[in-house]
């Protein structure tokens, strides 16, 4: 049962979760992070670290539909293992609903 990043992360991209992940299974898009479901060891340390409460186990109903999004982008976006600053207006977007259409498919910078 891997953890997945859900819609709440879009346009926030807090990276507290990246910093605590023991297996470096986060991948970075322009305005969203994903967890590679085949690399996640289900330890759960990332979930409480997310200020946007965007990380859930894939068994949660809300997370189910995001599992394939996480898988799809983890295969093409760069890996991120170090915490950086969230997006500049992250706090403004943190609790806004219905952000799915704002998800960019462009990759982030990763650990350049």
C-alpha atoms as a PDB file:
ATOM      1  CA  UNK A   1       0.000   0.000   0.000  1.00  0.00           C
ATOM      2  CA  UNK A   2       2.014   3.009  -1.172  1.00  0.00           C
ATOM      3  CA  UNK A   3       1.323   6.587  -0.298  1.00  0.00           C
ATOM      4  CA  UNK A   4       0.255   9.001  -3.026  1.00  0.00           C
ATOM      5  CA  UNK A   5       0.259  12.754  -3.462  1.00  0.00           C
ATOM      6  CA  UNK A   6      -3.201  14.169  -4.102  1.00  0.00           C
ATOM      7  CA  UNK A   7      -4.759  17.330  -5.485  1.00  0.00           C
ATOM      8  CA  UNK A   8      -4.004  19.417  -2.387  1.00  0.00           C
ATOM      9  CA  UNK A   9      -0.348  19.602  -3.460  1.00  0.00           C
ATOM     10  CA  UNK A  10      -1.096  21.371  -6.745  1.00  0.00           C
ATOM     11  CA  UNK A  11       0.292  24.922  -6.818  1.00  0.00           C
ATOM     12  CA  UNK A  12       1.718  24.497  -3.294  1.00  0.00           C
ATOM     13  CA  UNK A  13       4.522  21.967  -3.634  1.00  0.00           C
ATOM     14  CA  UNK A  14       5.690  22.061  -0.050  1.00  0.00           C
ATOM     15  CA  UNK A  15       8.672  19.760   0.217  1.00  0.00           C
ATOM     16  CA  UNK A  16       8.786  18.805   3.875  1.00  0.00           C
ATOM     17  CA  UNK A  17       7.869  15.271   2.764  1.00  0.00           C
ATOM     18  CA  UNK A  18      10.914  14.997   0.512  1.00  0.00           C
ATOM     19  CA  UNK A  19      13.237  15.693   3.389  1.00  0.00           C
ATOM     20  CA  UNK A  20      12.001  12.773   5.503  1.00  0.00           C
ATOM     21  CA  UNK A  21      11.595  10.090   2.825  1.00  0.00           C
ATOM     22  CA  UNK A  22      14.077   7.266   3.549  1.00  0.00           C
ATOM     23  CA  UNK A  23      13.941   5.865  -0.004  1.00  0.00           C
ATOM     24  CA  UNK A  24      13.902   9.086  -2.085  1.00  0.00           C
ATOM     25  CA  UNK A  25      10.725   8.176  -3.980  1.00  0.00           C
ATOM     26  CA  UNK A  26       9.509  11.724  -4.690  1.00  0.00           C
ATOM     27  CA  UNK A  27       9.512  13.189  -8.180  1.00  0.00           C
ATOM     28  CA  UNK A  28       9.035  16.833  -9.056  1.00  0.00           C
ATOM     29  CA  UNK A  29       6.796  18.560 -11.524  1.00  0.00           C
ATOM     30  CA  UNK A  30       6.471  22.264 -12.180  1.00  0.00           C
ATOM     31  CA  UNK A  31       3.678  22.714  -9.607  1.00  0.00           C
ATOM     32  CA  UNK A  32       3.200  19.273  -8.018  1.00  0.00           C
ATOM     33  CA  UNK A  33       5.124  16.421  -6.422  1.00  0.00           C
ATOM     34  CA  UNK A  34       4.434  12.708  -6.863  1.00  0.00           C
ATOM     35  CA  UNK A  35       5.482   9.517  -5.120  1.00  0.00           C
ATOM     36  CA  UNK A  36       6.623   6.590  -7.227  1.00  0.00           C
ATOM     37  CA  UNK A  37       4.266   3.829  -6.039  1.00  0.00           C
ATOM     38  CA  UNK A  38       6.746   1.068  -6.888  1.00  0.00           C
ATOM     39  CA  UNK A  39       9.482   2.702  -4.799  1.00  0.00           C
ATOM     40  CA  UNK A  40       7.410   3.746  -1.776  1.00  0.00           C
ATOM     41  CA  UNK A  41       7.976   1.381   1.169  1.00  0.00           C
ATOM     42  CA  UNK A  42       4.773   2.421   2.934  1.00  0.00           C
ATOM     43  CA  UNK A  43       6.573   3.779   5.976  1.00  0.00           C
ATOM     44  CA  UNK A  44       4.209   6.739   6.271  1.00  0.00           C
ATOM     45  CA  UNK A  45       6.740   9.275   7.544  1.00  0.00           C
ATOM     46  CA  UNK A  46       5.868  11.711   4.749  1.00  0.00           C
ATOM     47  CA  UNK A  47       2.147  11.921   5.486  1.00  0.00           C
ATOM     48  CA  UNK A  48       2.265  13.956   8.731  1.00  0.00           C
ATOM     49  CA  UNK A  49       4.967  16.247   7.318  1.00  0.00           C
ATOM     50  CA  UNK A  50       2.780  17.664   4.540  1.00  0.00           C
ATOM     51  CA  UNK A  51       1.379  21.097   5.500  1.00  0.00           C
ATOM     52  CA  UNK A  52      -1.296  20.776   2.791  1.00  0.00           C
ATOM     53  CA  UNK A  53      -2.355  17.287   3.964  1.00  0.00           C
ATOM     54  CA  UNK A  54      -1.906  16.139   0.361  1.00  0.00           C
ATOM     55  CA  UNK A  55      -0.343  12.725   1.080  1.00  0.00           C
ATOM     56  CA  UNK A  56      -2.574   9.741   1.735  1.00  0.00           C
ATOM     57  CA  UNK A  57      -2.281   5.955   1.647  1.00  0.00           C
ATOM     58  CA  UNK A  58      -3.609   4.627  -1.647  1.00  0.00           C
ATOM     59  CA  UNK A  59      -6.316   2.751   0.245  1.00  0.00           C
ATOM     60  CA  UNK A  60      -8.087   6.025   1.038  1.00  0.00           C
ATOM     61  CA  UNK A  61     -10.957   6.720  -1.378  1.00  0.00           C
ATOM     62  CA  UNK A  62      -9.666  10.195  -2.267  1.00  0.00           C
ATOM     63  CA  UNK A  63      -6.184   8.823  -2.996  1.00  0.00           C
ATOM     64  CA  UNK A  64      -7.288   6.040  -5.304  1.00  0.00           C
ATOM     65  CA  UNK A  65      -7.833   8.287  -8.313  1.00  0.00           C
ATOM     66  CA  UNK A  66      -4.404   9.895  -7.843  1.00  0.00           C
ATOM     67  CA  UNK A  67      -2.433   6.648  -7.864  1.00  0.00           C
ATOM     68  CA  UNK A  68      -2.122   6.520 -11.652  1.00  0.00           C
ATOM     69  CA  UNK A  69      -1.237  10.230 -11.806  1.00  0.00           C
ATOM     70  CA  UNK A  70       1.595   9.568  -9.359  1.00  0.00           C
ATOM     71  CA  UNK A  71       2.784   6.565 -11.365  1.00  0.00           C
ATOM     72  CA  UNK A  72       2.579   8.353 -14.721  1.00  0.00           C
ATOM     73  CA  UNK A  73       4.584  11.400 -13.681  1.00  0.00           C
ATOM     74  CA  UNK A  74       7.082   9.543 -11.469  1.00  0.00           C
ATOM     75  CA  UNK A  75       8.208   7.762 -14.626  1.00  0.00           C
ATOM     76  CA  UNK A  76       9.014  11.019 -16.463  1.00  0.00           C
ATOM     77  CA  UNK A  77       9.725  13.734 -13.892  1.00  0.00           C
ATOM     78  CA  UNK A  78      13.104  14.164 -12.153  1.00  0.00           C
ATOM     79  CA  UNK A  79      13.746  12.716  -8.717  1.00  0.00           C
ATOM     80  CA  UNK A  80      13.922  15.159  -5.819  1.00  0.00           C
ATOM     81  CA  UNK A  81      15.695  14.300  -2.570  1.00  0.00           C
ATOM     82  CA  UNK A  82      16.322  17.721  -1.000  1.00  0.00           C
ATOM     83  CA  UNK A  83      13.810  20.159   0.394  1.00  0.00           C
ATOM     84  CA  UNK A  84      13.598  23.550  -1.268  1.00  0.00           C
ATOM     85  CA  UNK A  85      11.200  26.437  -0.812  1.00  0.00           C
ATOM     86  CA  UNK A  86       7.565  25.821  -1.791  1.00  0.00           C
ATOM     87  CA  UNK A  87       6.022  27.787  -4.630  1.00  0.00           C
ATOM     88  CA  UNK A  88       5.905  31.533  -3.837  1.00  0.00           C
ATOM     89  CA  UNK A  89       2.124  31.641  -3.448  1.00  0.00           C
ATOM     90  CA  UNK A  90       1.784  28.199  -1.831  1.00  0.00           C
ATOM     91  CA  UNK A  91       0.061  29.501   1.271  1.00  0.00           C
ATOM     92  CA  UNK A  92      -2.589  31.188  -0.894  1.00  0.00           C
ATOM     93  CA  UNK A  93      -3.340  27.895  -2.681  1.00  0.00           C
ATOM     94  CA  UNK A  94      -2.981  25.544   0.289  1.00  0.00           C
ATOM     95  CA  UNK A  95      -6.623  24.930   1.145  1.00  0.00           C
ATOM     96  CA  UNK A  96      -8.274  25.684  -2.191  1.00  0.00           C
ATOM     97  CA  UNK A  97     -10.396  22.867  -3.632  1.00  0.00           C
ATOM     98  CA  UNK A  98     -10.797  21.778  -7.249  1.00  0.00           C
ATOM     99  CA  UNK A  99      -7.232  22.359  -8.415  1.00  0.00           C
ATOM    100  CA  UNK A 100      -6.913  19.246 -10.593  1.00  0.00           C
ATOM    101  CA  UNK A 101      -7.222  21.188 -13.833  1.00  0.00           C
ATOM    102  CA  UNK A 102      -4.275  23.359 -12.758  1.00  0.00           C
ATOM    103  CA  UNK A 103      -1.864  20.410 -12.627  1.00  0.00           C
ATOM    104  CA  UNK A 104       1.029  21.075 -14.995  1.00  0.00           C
ATOM    105  CA  UNK A 105       2.586  18.101 -16.753  1.00  0.00           C
ATOM    106  CA  UNK A 106       5.897  19.953 -17.106  1.00  0.00           C
ATOM    107  CA  UNK A 107       8.809  18.565 -15.098  1.00  0.00           C
ATOM    108  CA  UNK A 108      10.383  20.400 -12.197  1.00  0.00           C
ATOM    109  CA  UNK A 109      14.099  20.931 -11.707  1.00  0.00           C
ATOM    110  CA  UNK A 110      14.764  17.890  -9.531  1.00  0.00           C
ATOM    111  CA  UNK A 111      18.127  17.673  -7.759  1.00  0.00           C
ATOM    112  CA  UNK A 112      20.109  19.580 -10.366  1.00  0.00           C
END
